[in-house]
């Protein structure tokens, strides 16, 4: 699983000192566009939305890439 942050999400996560935590998430392949991913740190909840799923095929196999955005907005499915 590869987690990619949009530029805005990366900026926010960096300011909150949670970028490494978010990028290291081991989310399930059942995650769908529109799902929310919440990271709780020091009692504060940080919400991100899955905005894109992409399967990447290479010579070494398949990997699922999920793109997360912030702020989490309602995304139609």
C-alpha atoms as a PDB file:
ATOM      1  CA  UNK A   1       0.000   0.000   0.000  1.00  0.00           C
ATOM      2  CA  UNK A   2       1.295   3.397  -0.984  1.00  0.00           C
ATOM      3  CA  UNK A   3      -0.130   6.502   0.672  1.00  0.00           C
ATOM      4  CA  UNK A   4       0.146   9.738  -1.317  1.00  0.00           C
ATOM      5  CA  UNK A   5      -0.829  13.124   0.100  1.00  0.00           C
ATOM      6  CA  UNK A   6      -2.083  16.001  -2.005  1.00  0.00           C
ATOM      7  CA  UNK A   7      -0.011  19.187  -1.692  1.00  0.00           C
ATOM      8  CA  UNK A   8      -2.540  20.702   0.700  1.00  0.00           C
ATOM      9  CA  UNK A   9      -2.699  17.522   2.809  1.00  0.00           C
ATOM     10  CA  UNK A  10       1.112  17.319   2.915  1.00  0.00           C
ATOM     11  CA  UNK A  11       1.332  20.959   4.037  1.00  0.00           C
ATOM     12  CA  UNK A  12      -1.266  20.413   6.775  1.00  0.00           C
ATOM     13  CA  UNK A  13       0.274  17.135   7.966  1.00  0.00           C
ATOM     14  CA  UNK A  14       3.724  18.738   8.052  1.00  0.00           C
ATOM     15  CA  UNK A  15       2.477  21.649  10.168  1.00  0.00           C
ATOM     16  CA  UNK A  16       0.800  19.183  12.548  1.00  0.00           C
ATOM     17  CA  UNK A  17       3.932  16.973  12.659  1.00  0.00           C
ATOM     18  CA  UNK A  18       1.955  13.915  11.526  1.00  0.00           C
ATOM     19  CA  UNK A  19       3.144  13.546   7.912  1.00  0.00           C
ATOM     20  CA  UNK A  20       5.300  10.484   8.617  1.00  0.00           C
ATOM     21  CA  UNK A  21       2.480   8.874  10.581  1.00  0.00           C
ATOM     22  CA  UNK A  22      -0.053   9.431   7.795  1.00  0.00           C
ATOM     23  CA  UNK A  23       2.290   8.256   5.024  1.00  0.00           C
ATOM     24  CA  UNK A  24       3.097   5.091   6.998  1.00  0.00           C
ATOM     25  CA  UNK A  25      -0.546   4.073   7.502  1.00  0.00           C
ATOM     26  CA  UNK A  26      -1.260   0.457   6.606  1.00  0.00           C
ATOM     27  CA  UNK A  27      -4.810   0.855   5.337  1.00  0.00           C
ATOM     28  CA  UNK A  28      -6.891  -2.038   4.085  1.00  0.00           C
ATOM     29  CA  UNK A  29      -7.411  -2.465   0.359  1.00  0.00           C
ATOM     30  CA  UNK A  30     -11.153  -2.116   1.013  1.00  0.00           C
ATOM     31  CA  UNK A  31     -10.675   1.660   1.417  1.00  0.00           C
ATOM     32  CA  UNK A  32     -12.770   3.469  -1.158  1.00  0.00           C
ATOM     33  CA  UNK A  33     -12.902   6.967  -2.585  1.00  0.00           C
ATOM     34  CA  UNK A  34     -14.878   9.066  -0.129  1.00  0.00           C
ATOM     35  CA  UNK A  35     -13.772   7.161   2.974  1.00  0.00           C
ATOM     36  CA  UNK A  36     -12.430   9.230   5.851  1.00  0.00           C
ATOM     37  CA  UNK A  37      -9.151   8.421   7.547  1.00  0.00           C
ATOM     38  CA  UNK A  38      -8.696   9.955  10.995  1.00  0.00           C
ATOM     39  CA  UNK A  39      -5.381  10.202  12.781  1.00  0.00           C
ATOM     40  CA  UNK A  40      -5.617  11.055  16.481  1.00  0.00           C
ATOM     41  CA  UNK A  41      -2.592  12.620  18.087  1.00  0.00           C
ATOM     42  CA  UNK A  42      -2.418  14.296  21.492  1.00  0.00           C
ATOM     43  CA  UNK A  43      -6.200  14.222  21.720  1.00  0.00           C
ATOM     44  CA  UNK A  44      -6.706  16.018  18.401  1.00  0.00           C
ATOM     45  CA  UNK A  45      -8.393  14.301  15.457  1.00  0.00           C
ATOM     46  CA  UNK A  46      -7.013  14.999  11.982  1.00  0.00           C
ATOM     47  CA  UNK A  47      -9.355  13.914   9.163  1.00  0.00           C
ATOM     48  CA  UNK A  48      -8.257  13.086   5.637  1.00  0.00           C
ATOM     49  CA  UNK A  49     -10.382  11.864   2.728  1.00  0.00           C
ATOM     50  CA  UNK A  50      -9.492   9.156   0.236  1.00  0.00           C
ATOM     51  CA  UNK A  51      -9.753  10.986  -3.085  1.00  0.00           C
ATOM     52  CA  UNK A  52      -8.228   8.431  -5.452  1.00  0.00           C
ATOM     53  CA  UNK A  53      -7.368   4.734  -5.654  1.00  0.00           C
ATOM     54  CA  UNK A  54      -4.946   3.420  -8.216  1.00  0.00           C
ATOM     55  CA  UNK A  55      -3.442   0.000  -8.796  1.00  0.00           C
ATOM     56  CA  UNK A  56       0.164   0.146  -9.983  1.00  0.00           C
ATOM     57  CA  UNK A  57       1.507  -2.866 -11.874  1.00  0.00           C
ATOM     58  CA  UNK A  58       5.245  -3.390 -12.081  1.00  0.00           C
ATOM     59  CA  UNK A  59       7.665  -6.219 -12.677  1.00  0.00           C
ATOM     60  CA  UNK A  60       7.633  -6.946  -8.962  1.00  0.00           C
ATOM     61  CA  UNK A  61       3.851  -7.148  -8.553  1.00  0.00           C
ATOM     62  CA  UNK A  62       0.860  -4.964  -7.831  1.00  0.00           C
ATOM     63  CA  UNK A  63       0.563  -2.105  -5.331  1.00  0.00           C
ATOM     64  CA  UNK A  64      -2.475  -0.099  -4.344  1.00  0.00           C
ATOM     65  CA  UNK A  65      -1.947   3.658  -4.132  1.00  0.00           C
ATOM     66  CA  UNK A  66      -4.380   5.747  -2.091  1.00  0.00           C
ATOM     67  CA  UNK A  67      -4.371   9.528  -2.340  1.00  0.00           C
ATOM     68  CA  UNK A  68      -5.458  11.410   0.781  1.00  0.00           C
ATOM     69  CA  UNK A  69      -6.615  15.021   0.873  1.00  0.00           C
ATOM     70  CA  UNK A  70      -7.242  17.517   3.647  1.00  0.00           C
ATOM     71  CA  UNK A  71      -9.539  18.989   4.696  1.00  0.00           C
ATOM     72  CA  UNK A  72     -11.793  15.975   4.362  1.00  0.00           C
ATOM     73  CA  UNK A  73     -14.716  16.963   2.146  1.00  0.00           C
ATOM     74  CA  UNK A  74     -17.736  14.997   1.106  1.00  0.00           C
ATOM     75  CA  UNK A  75     -16.913  13.181  -2.126  1.00  0.00           C
ATOM     76  CA  UNK A  76     -19.601  11.489  -4.180  1.00  0.00           C
ATOM     77  CA  UNK A  77     -19.130   7.823  -4.982  1.00  0.00           C
END
